[in-house]
Amino acid sequence: APPSGIINMTTKRAESEPVAFMQTTGTDHGSYTGH
């Protein structure tokens, strides 16, 4: 691997307490996202 380095991403996992999350976002340019 090149000597620049490693970028590592760790995923979310189920926790002891239930998770229920909903979110919508938008920008003044007209982008919008639902999660």
PDB file of all heavy atoms in Angstrom:
ATOM      1  N   ALA A   1       0.859  -1.182   0.000  1.00  0.00           N
ATOM      2  CA  ALA A   1       0.000   0.000   0.000  1.00  0.00           C
ATOM      3  C   ALA A   1       0.893   1.229   0.000  1.00  0.00           C
ATOM      4  O   ALA A   1       1.989   1.213   0.578  1.00  0.00           O
ATOM      5  CB  ALA A   1      -0.912   0.014   1.224  1.00  0.00           C
ATOM      6  N   PRO A   2       0.471   2.324  -0.652  1.00  0.00           N
ATOM      7  CA  PRO A   2       1.245   3.561  -0.609  1.00  0.00           C
ATOM      8  C   PRO A   2       1.417   4.044   0.825  1.00  0.00           C
ATOM      9  O   PRO A   2       0.589   3.754   1.696  1.00  0.00           O
ATOM     10  CB  PRO A   2       0.393   4.535  -1.442  1.00  0.00           C
ATOM     11  CG  PRO A   2      -0.431   3.668  -2.326  1.00  0.00           C
ATOM     12  CD  PRO A   2      -0.713   2.433  -1.519  1.00  0.00           C
ATOM     13  N   PRO A   3       2.470   4.819   1.092  1.00  0.00           N
ATOM     14  CA  PRO A   3       2.765   5.237   2.464  1.00  0.00           C
ATOM     15  C   PRO A   3       1.932   6.407   2.955  1.00  0.00           C
ATOM     16  O   PRO A   3       2.260   6.996   3.981  1.00  0.00           O
ATOM     17  CB  PRO A   3       4.250   5.618   2.391  1.00  0.00           C
ATOM     18  CG  PRO A   3       4.442   6.089   0.989  1.00  0.00           C
ATOM     19  CD  PRO A   3       3.531   5.233   0.149  1.00  0.00           C
ATOM     20  N   SER A   4       0.869   6.761   2.244  1.00  0.00           N
ATOM     21  CA  SER A   4       0.028   7.873   2.692  1.00  0.00           C
ATOM     22  C   SER A   4      -0.681   7.529   3.995  1.00  0.00           C
ATOM     23  O   SER A   4      -0.718   8.337   4.935  1.00  0.00           O
ATOM     24  CB  SER A   4      -0.996   8.223   1.605  1.00  0.00           C
ATOM     25  OG  SER A   4      -1.688   7.066   1.172  1.00  0.00           O
ATOM     26  N   GLY A   5      -1.256   6.320   4.065  1.00  0.00           N
ATOM     27  CA  GLY A   5      -1.958   5.909   5.268  1.00  0.00           C
ATOM     28  C   GLY A   5      -3.215   5.129   4.940  1.00  0.00           C
ATOM     29  O   GLY A   5      -3.500   4.815   3.783  1.00  0.00           O
ATOM     30  N   ILE A   6      -3.981   4.814   5.968  1.00  0.00           N
ATOM     31  CA  ILE A   6      -5.205   4.029   5.854  1.00  0.00           C
ATOM     32  C   ILE A   6      -6.367   4.848   6.402  1.00  0.00           C
ATOM     33  O   ILE A   6      -6.261   5.488   7.451  1.00  0.00           O
ATOM     34  CB  ILE A   6      -5.090   2.708   6.646  1.00  0.00           C
ATOM     35  CG1 ILE A   6      -4.004   1.816   6.042  1.00  0.00           C
ATOM     36  CG2 ILE A   6      -6.422   1.976   6.698  1.00  0.00           C
ATOM     37  CD1 ILE A   6      -4.315   1.282   4.663  1.00  0.00           C
ATOM     38  N   ILE A   7      -7.480   4.831   5.672  1.00  0.00           N
ATOM     39  CA  ILE A   7      -8.725   5.425   6.162  1.00  0.00           C
ATOM     40  C   ILE A   7      -9.679   4.270   6.461  1.00  0.00           C
ATOM     41  O   ILE A   7     -10.020   3.486   5.572  1.00  0.00           O
ATOM     42  CB  ILE A   7      -9.330   6.390   5.132  1.00  0.00           C
ATOM     43  CG1 ILE A   7      -8.393   7.595   4.939  1.00  0.00           C
ATOM     44  CG2 ILE A   7     -10.712   6.859   5.579  1.00  0.00           C
ATOM     45  CD1 ILE A   7      -8.867   8.573   3.896  1.00  0.00           C
ATOM     46  N   ASN A   8     -10.079   4.164   7.721  1.00  0.00           N
ATOM     47  CA  ASN A   8     -10.911   3.049   8.174  1.00  0.00           C
ATOM     48  C   ASN A   8     -12.277   3.559   8.614  1.00  0.00           C
ATOM     49  O   ASN A   8     -12.376   4.571   9.318  1.00  0.00           O
ATOM     50  CB  ASN A   8     -10.232   2.320   9.336  1.00  0.00           C
ATOM     51  CG  ASN A   8     -11.078   1.176   9.861  1.00  0.00           C
ATOM     52  OD1 ASN A   8     -11.590   0.369   9.088  1.00  0.00           O
ATOM     53  ND2 ASN A   8     -11.240   1.100  11.173  1.00  0.00           N
ATOM     54  N   MET A   9     -13.324   2.855   8.187  1.00  0.00           N
ATOM     55  CA  MET A   9     -14.697   3.207   8.565  1.00  0.00           C
ATOM     56  C   MET A   9     -15.307   2.039   9.345  1.00  0.00           C
ATOM     57  O   MET A   9     -15.278   0.902   8.878  1.00  0.00           O
ATOM     58  CB  MET A   9     -15.532   3.495   7.316  1.00  0.00           C
ATOM     59  CG  MET A   9     -15.063   4.710   6.536  1.00  0.00           C
ATOM     60  SD  MET A   9     -15.677   4.719   4.833  1.00  0.00           S
ATOM     61  CE  MET A   9     -14.630   3.440   4.119  1.00  0.00           C
ATOM     62  N   THR A  10     -15.841   2.325  10.519  1.00  0.00           N
ATOM     63  CA  THR A  10     -16.448   1.310  11.373  1.00  0.00           C
ATOM     64  C   THR A  10     -17.963   1.463  11.346  1.00  0.00           C
ATOM     65  O   THR A  10     -18.480   2.567  11.529  1.00  0.00           O
ATOM     66  CB  THR A  10     -15.937   1.445  12.821  1.00  0.00           C
ATOM     67  OG1 THR A  10     -14.514   1.328  12.827  1.00  0.00           O
ATOM     68  CG2 THR A  10     -16.517   0.358  13.695  1.00  0.00           C
ATOM     69  N   THR A  11     -18.673   0.361  11.105  1.00  0.00           N
ATOM     70  CA  THR A  11     -20.128   0.435  10.953  1.00  0.00           C
ATOM     71  C   THR A  11     -20.841   0.490  12.308  1.00  0.00           C
ATOM     72  O   THR A  11     -20.334   0.010  13.323  1.00  0.00           O
ATOM     73  CB  THR A  11     -20.645  -0.772  10.157  1.00  0.00           C
ATOM     74  OG1 THR A  11     -20.178  -1.983  10.772  1.00  0.00           O
ATOM     75  CG2 THR A  11     -20.141  -0.734   8.726  1.00  0.00           C
ATOM     76  N   LYS A  12     -22.037   1.057  12.283  1.00  0.00           N
ATOM     77  CA  LYS A  12     -22.904   1.032  13.455  1.00  0.00           C
ATOM     78  C   LYS A  12     -23.399  -0.390  13.690  1.00  0.00           C
ATOM     79  O   LYS A  12     -23.603  -1.146  12.750  1.00  0.00           O
ATOM     80  CB  LYS A  12     -24.124   1.934  13.234  1.00  0.00           C
ATOM     81  CG  LYS A  12     -23.848   3.414  13.112  1.00  0.00           C
ATOM     82  CD  LYS A  12     -25.143   4.158  12.828  1.00  0.00           C
ATOM     83  CE  LYS A  12     -24.952   5.646  12.697  1.00  0.00           C
ATOM     84  NZ  LYS A  12     -26.224   6.344  12.354  1.00  0.00           N
ATOM     85  N   ARG A  13     -23.637  -0.718  14.969  1.00  0.00           N
ATOM     86  CA  ARG A  13     -24.156  -2.035  15.317  1.00  0.00           C
ATOM     87  C   ARG A  13     -25.302  -1.877  16.314  1.00  0.00           C
ATOM     88  O   ARG A  13     -25.478  -0.813  16.928  1.00  0.00           O
ATOM     89  CB  ARG A  13     -23.057  -2.920  15.907  1.00  0.00           C
ATOM     90  CG  ARG A  13     -21.726  -2.887  15.145  1.00  0.00           C
ATOM     91  CD  ARG A  13     -20.988  -4.194  15.269  1.00  0.00           C
ATOM     92  NE  ARG A  13     -21.607  -5.225  14.454  1.00  0.00           N
ATOM     93  CZ  ARG A  13     -21.401  -5.364  13.132  1.00  0.00           C
ATOM     94  NH1 ARG A  13     -20.607  -4.551  12.491  1.00  0.00           N
ATOM     95  NH2 ARG A  13     -22.003  -6.328  12.459  1.00  0.00           N
ATOM     96  N   ALA A  14     -26.076  -2.929  16.461  1.00  0.00           N
ATOM     97  CA  ALA A  14     -27.186  -2.897  17.413  1.00  0.00           C
ATOM     98  C   ALA A  14     -26.650  -2.730  18.828  1.00  0.00           C
ATOM     99  O   ALA A  14     -25.644  -3.341  19.207  1.00  0.00           O
ATOM    100  CB  ALA A  14     -28.001  -4.176  17.303  1.00  0.00           C
ATOM    101  N   GLU A  15     -27.328  -1.901  19.604  1.00  0.00           N
ATOM    102  CA  GLU A  15     -26.935  -1.637  20.975  1.00  0.00           C
ATOM    103  C   GLU A  15     -27.924  -2.275  21.946  1.00  0.00           C
ATOM    104  O   GLU A  15     -28.931  -2.871  21.537  1.00  0.00           O
ATOM    105  CB  GLU A  15     -26.855  -0.121  21.189  1.00  0.00           C
ATOM    106  CG  GLU A  15     -25.883   0.574  20.231  1.00  0.00           C
ATOM    107  CD  GLU A  15     -25.963   2.083  20.322  1.00  0.00           C
ATOM    108  OE1 GLU A  15     -26.867   2.586  21.029  1.00  0.00           O
ATOM    109  OE2 GLU A  15     -25.143   2.759  19.675  1.00  0.00           O
ATOM    110  N   SER A  16     -27.648  -2.140  23.232  1.00  0.00           N
ATOM    111  CA  SER A  16     -28.532  -2.754  24.231  1.00  0.00           C
ATOM    112  C   SER A  16     -29.911  -2.110  24.225  1.00  0.00           C
ATOM    113  O   SER A  16     -30.911  -2.775  24.499  1.00  0.00           O
ATOM    114  CB  SER A  16     -27.899  -2.630  25.620  1.00  0.00           C
ATOM    115  OG  SER A  16     -27.617  -1.265  25.919  1.00  0.00           O
ATOM    116  N   GLU A  17     -29.980  -0.822  23.873  1.00  0.00           N
ATOM    117  CA  GLU A  17     -31.253  -0.127  23.780  1.00  0.00           C
ATOM    118  C   GLU A  17     -31.663  -0.003  22.312  1.00  0.00           C
ATOM    119  O   GLU A  17     -30.821   0.265  21.453  1.00  0.00           O
ATOM    120  CB  GLU A  17     -31.161   1.264  24.409  1.00  0.00           C
ATOM    121  CG  GLU A  17     -30.868   1.254  25.895  1.00  0.00           C
ATOM    122  CD  GLU A  17     -32.001   0.631  26.696  1.00  0.00           C
ATOM    123  OE1 GLU A  17     -33.168   0.769  26.262  1.00  0.00           O
ATOM    124  OE2 GLU A  17     -31.722   0.028  27.745  1.00  0.00           O
ATOM    125  N   PRO A  18     -32.956  -0.182  22.004  1.00  0.00           N
ATOM    126  CA  PRO A  18     -33.408  -0.046  20.612  1.00  0.00           C
ATOM    127  C   PRO A  18     -33.165   1.367  20.084  1.00  0.00           C
ATOM    128  O   PRO A  18     -33.177   2.344  20.833  1.00  0.00           O
ATOM    129  CB  PRO A  18     -34.906  -0.368  20.695  1.00  0.00           C
ATOM    130  CG  PRO A  18     -35.073  -1.127  21.962  1.00  0.00           C
ATOM    131  CD  PRO A  18     -34.041  -0.600  22.907  1.00  0.00           C
ATOM    132  N   VAL A  19     -32.946   1.461  18.765  1.00  0.00           N
ATOM    133  CA  VAL A  19     -32.726   2.736  18.092  1.00  0.00           C
ATOM    134  C   VAL A  19     -33.781   2.883  17.003  1.00  0.00           C
ATOM    135  O   VAL A  19     -33.996   1.960  16.209  1.00  0.00           O
ATOM    136  CB  VAL A  19     -31.318   2.807  17.471  1.00  0.00           C
ATOM    137  CG1 VAL A  19     -31.164   4.073  16.634  1.00  0.00           C
ATOM    138  CG2 VAL A  19     -30.252   2.736  18.548  1.00  0.00           C
ATOM    139  N   ALA A  20     -34.455   4.015  16.978  1.00  0.00           N
ATOM    140  CA  ALA A  20     -35.411   4.337  15.916  1.00  0.00           C
ATOM    141  C   ALA A  20     -35.241   5.819  15.609  1.00  0.00           C
ATOM    142  O   ALA A  20     -35.660   6.682  16.383  1.00  0.00           O
ATOM    143  CB  ALA A  20     -36.841   4.031  16.338  1.00  0.00           C
ATOM    144  N   PHE A  21     -34.616   6.108  14.488  1.00  0.00           N
ATOM    145  CA  PHE A  21     -34.220   7.484  14.159  1.00  0.00           C
ATOM    146  C   PHE A  21     -34.612   7.791  12.723  1.00  0.00           C
ATOM    147  O   PHE A  21     -34.371   6.995  11.809  1.00  0.00           O
ATOM    148  CB  PHE A  21     -32.705   7.621  14.346  1.00  0.00           C
ATOM    149  CG  PHE A  21     -32.127   8.924  13.880  1.00  0.00           C
ATOM    150  CD1 PHE A  21     -32.154  10.038  14.698  1.00  0.00           C
ATOM    151  CD2 PHE A  21     -31.547   9.035  12.626  1.00  0.00           C
ATOM    152  CE1 PHE A  21     -31.612  11.243  14.278  1.00  0.00           C
ATOM    153  CE2 PHE A  21     -30.997  10.233  12.196  1.00  0.00           C
ATOM    154  CZ  PHE A  21     -31.044  11.338  13.019  1.00  0.00           C
ATOM    155  N   MET A  22     -35.234   8.943  12.537  1.00  0.00           N
ATOM    156  CA  MET A  22     -35.572   9.419  11.199  1.00  0.00           C
ATOM    157  C   MET A  22     -35.141  10.872  11.082  1.00  0.00           C
ATOM    158  O   MET A  22     -35.298  11.650  12.024  1.00  0.00           O
ATOM    159  CB  MET A  22     -37.077   9.292  10.929  1.00  0.00           C
ATOM    160  CG  MET A  22     -37.590   7.866  10.934  1.00  0.00           C
ATOM    161  SD  MET A  22     -39.375   7.793  10.590  1.00  0.00           S
ATOM    162  CE  MET A  22     -39.407   8.420   8.900  1.00  0.00           C
ATOM    163  N   GLN A  23     -34.596  11.223   9.904  1.00  0.00           N
ATOM    164  CA  GLN A  23     -34.093  12.580   9.731  1.00  0.00           C
ATOM    165  C   GLN A  23     -34.256  13.015   8.278  1.00  0.00           C
ATOM    166  O   GLN A  23     -34.067  12.211   7.353  1.00  0.00           O
ATOM    167  CB  GLN A  23     -32.614  12.661  10.125  1.00  0.00           C
ATOM    168  CG  GLN A  23     -32.008  14.042  10.015  1.00  0.00           C
ATOM    169  CD  GLN A  23     -30.525  14.028  10.345  1.00  0.00           C
ATOM    170  OE1 GLN A  23     -29.773  13.246   9.782  1.00  0.00           O
ATOM    171  NE2 GLN A  23     -30.110  14.870  11.272  1.00  0.00           N
ATOM    172  N   THR A  24     -34.619  14.252   8.079  1.00  0.00           N
ATOM    173  CA  THR A  24     -34.617  14.856   6.753  1.00  0.00           C
ATOM    174  C   THR A  24     -33.756  16.104   6.801  1.00  0.00           C
ATOM    175  O   THR A  24     -33.773  16.852   7.789  1.00  0.00           O
ATOM    176  CB  THR A  24     -36.039  15.225   6.299  1.00  0.00           C
ATOM    177  OG1 THR A  24     -36.617  16.141   7.241  1.00  0.00           O
ATOM    178  CG2 THR A  24     -36.907  13.987   6.181  1.00  0.00           C
ATOM    179  N   THR A  25     -32.971  16.323   5.766  1.00  0.00           N
ATOM    180  CA  THR A  25     -32.107  17.494   5.677  1.00  0.00           C
ATOM    181  C   THR A  25     -32.269  18.123   4.307  1.00  0.00           C
ATOM    182  O   THR A  25     -32.710  17.477   3.342  1.00  0.00           O
ATOM    183  CB  THR A  25     -30.632  17.117   5.900  1.00  0.00           C
ATOM    184  OG1 THR A  25     -30.244  16.134   4.913  1.00  0.00           O
ATOM    185  CG2 THR A  25     -30.410  16.528   7.284  1.00  0.00           C
ATOM    186  N   GLY A  26     -31.897  19.382   4.205  1.00  0.00           N
ATOM    187  CA  GLY A  26     -31.972  20.087   2.937  1.00  0.00           C
ATOM    188  C   GLY A  26     -31.004  21.254   2.912  1.00  0.00           C
ATOM    189  O   GLY A  26     -30.463  21.657   3.952  1.00  0.00           O
ATOM    190  N   THR A  27     -30.755  21.771   1.728  1.00  0.00           N
ATOM    191  CA  THR A  27     -29.878  22.935   1.554  1.00  0.00           C
ATOM    192  C   THR A  27     -30.615  24.001   0.761  1.00  0.00           C
ATOM    193  O   THR A  27     -31.649  23.744   0.127  1.00  0.00           O
ATOM    194  CB  THR A  27     -28.587  22.554   0.815  1.00  0.00           C
ATOM    195  OG1 THR A  27     -28.894  22.275  -0.566  1.00  0.00           O
ATOM    196  CG2 THR A  27     -27.927  21.332   1.432  1.00  0.00           C
ATOM    197  N   ASP A  28     -30.054  25.222   0.765  1.00  0.00           N
ATOM    198  CA  ASP A  28     -30.675  26.316   0.029  1.00  0.00           C
ATOM    199  C   ASP A  28     -30.494  26.171  -1.479  1.00  0.00           C
ATOM    200  O   ASP A  28     -31.069  26.940  -2.257  1.00  0.00           O
ATOM    201  CB  ASP A  28     -30.126  27.666   0.496  1.00  0.00           C
ATOM    202  CG  ASP A  28     -28.621  27.750   0.415  1.00  0.00           C
ATOM    203  OD1 ASP A  28     -27.979  26.741   0.049  1.00  0.00           O
ATOM    204  OD2 ASP A  28     -28.067  28.826   0.720  1.00  0.00           O
ATOM    205  N   HIS A  29     -29.677  25.187  -1.919  1.00  0.00           N
ATOM    206  CA  HIS A  29     -29.535  24.937  -3.356  1.00  0.00           C
ATOM    207  C   HIS A  29     -30.625  24.020  -3.888  1.00  0.00           C
ATOM    208  O   HIS A  29     -30.803  23.895  -5.098  1.00  0.00           O
ATOM    209  CB  HIS A  29     -28.169  24.316  -3.657  1.00  0.00           C
ATOM    210  CG  HIS A  29     -27.018  25.208  -3.327  1.00  0.00           C
ATOM    211  ND1 HIS A  29     -26.874  26.473  -3.840  1.00  0.00           N
ATOM    212  CD2 HIS A  29     -25.940  25.010  -2.517  1.00  0.00           C
ATOM    213  CE1 HIS A  29     -25.761  27.020  -3.377  1.00  0.00           C
ATOM    214  NE2 HIS A  29     -25.188  26.156  -2.568  1.00  0.00           N
ATOM    215  N   GLY A  30     -31.324  23.334  -2.995  1.00  0.00           N
ATOM    216  CA  GLY A  30     -32.382  22.436  -3.428  1.00  0.00           C
ATOM    217  C   GLY A  30     -32.115  20.970  -3.184  1.00  0.00           C
ATOM    218  O   GLY A  30     -32.935  20.116  -3.543  1.00  0.00           O
ATOM    219  N   SER A  31     -30.988  20.633  -2.549  1.00  0.00           N
ATOM    220  CA  SER A  31     -30.734  19.242  -2.169  1.00  0.00           C
ATOM    221  C   SER A  31     -31.609  18.867  -0.979  1.00  0.00           C
ATOM    222  O   SER A  31     -31.870  19.703  -0.102  1.00  0.00           O
ATOM    223  CB  SER A  31     -29.258  19.042  -1.797  1.00  0.00           C
ATOM    224  OG  SER A  31     -28.413  19.199  -2.903  1.00  0.00           O
ATOM    225  N   TYR A  32     -32.043  17.616  -0.915  1.00  0.00           N
ATOM    226  CA  TYR A  32     -32.765  17.129   0.240  1.00  0.00           C
ATOM    227  C   TYR A  32     -32.515  15.627   0.373  1.00  0.00           C
ATOM    228  O   TYR A  32     -32.322  14.913  -0.607  1.00  0.00           O
ATOM    229  CB  TYR A  32     -34.262  17.420   0.142  1.00  0.00           C
ATOM    230  CG  TYR A  32     -34.915  16.982  -1.143  1.00  0.00           C
ATOM    231  CD1 TYR A  32     -35.424  15.686  -1.302  1.00  0.00           C
ATOM    232  CD2 TYR A  32     -35.017  17.859  -2.220  1.00  0.00           C
ATOM    233  CE1 TYR A  32     -36.024  15.276  -2.486  1.00  0.00           C
ATOM    234  CE2 TYR A  32     -35.616  17.468  -3.408  1.00  0.00           C
ATOM    235  CZ  TYR A  32     -36.105  16.184  -3.537  1.00  0.00           C
ATOM    236  OH  TYR A  32     -36.694  15.784  -4.712  1.00  0.00           O
ATOM    237  N   THR A  33     -32.487  15.168   1.640  1.00  0.00           N
ATOM    238  CA  THR A  33     -32.138  13.777   1.935  1.00  0.00           C
ATOM    239  C   THR A  33     -33.012  13.262   3.070  1.00  0.00           C
ATOM    240  O   THR A  33     -33.283  13.985   4.032  1.00  0.00           O
ATOM    241  CB  THR A  33     -30.650  13.661   2.342  1.00  0.00           C
ATOM    242  OG1 THR A  33     -29.826  14.144   1.292  1.00  0.00           O
ATOM    243  CG2 THR A  33     -30.283  12.215   2.637  1.00  0.00           C
ATOM    244  N   GLY A  34     -33.419  11.995   2.955  1.00  0.00           N
ATOM    245  CA  GLY A  34     -34.113  11.319   4.034  1.00  0.00           C
ATOM    246  C   GLY A  34     -33.284  10.148   4.545  1.00  0.00           C
ATOM    247  O   GLY A  34     -32.676   9.423   3.757  1.00  0.00           O
ATOM    248  N   HIS A  35     -33.238   9.977   5.862  1.00  0.00           N
ATOM    249  CA  HIS A  35     -32.407   8.942   6.483  1.00  0.00           C
ATOM    250  C   HIS A  35     -33.198   8.237   7.576  1.00  0.00           C
ATOM    251  O   HIS A  35     -33.806   8.880   8.431  1.00  0.00           O
ATOM    252  CB  HIS A  35     -31.134   9.583   7.063  1.00  0.00           C
ATOM    253  CG  HIS A  35     -30.288   8.645   7.864  1.00  0.00           C
ATOM    254  ND1 HIS A  35     -29.482   9.061   8.909  1.00  0.00           N
ATOM    255  CD2 HIS A  35     -30.106   7.295   7.774  1.00  0.00           C
ATOM    256  CE1 HIS A  35     -28.860   8.021   9.418  1.00  0.00           C
ATOM    257  NE2 HIS A  35     -29.225   6.935   8.754  1.00  0.00           N
TER     258      HIS A  35
END
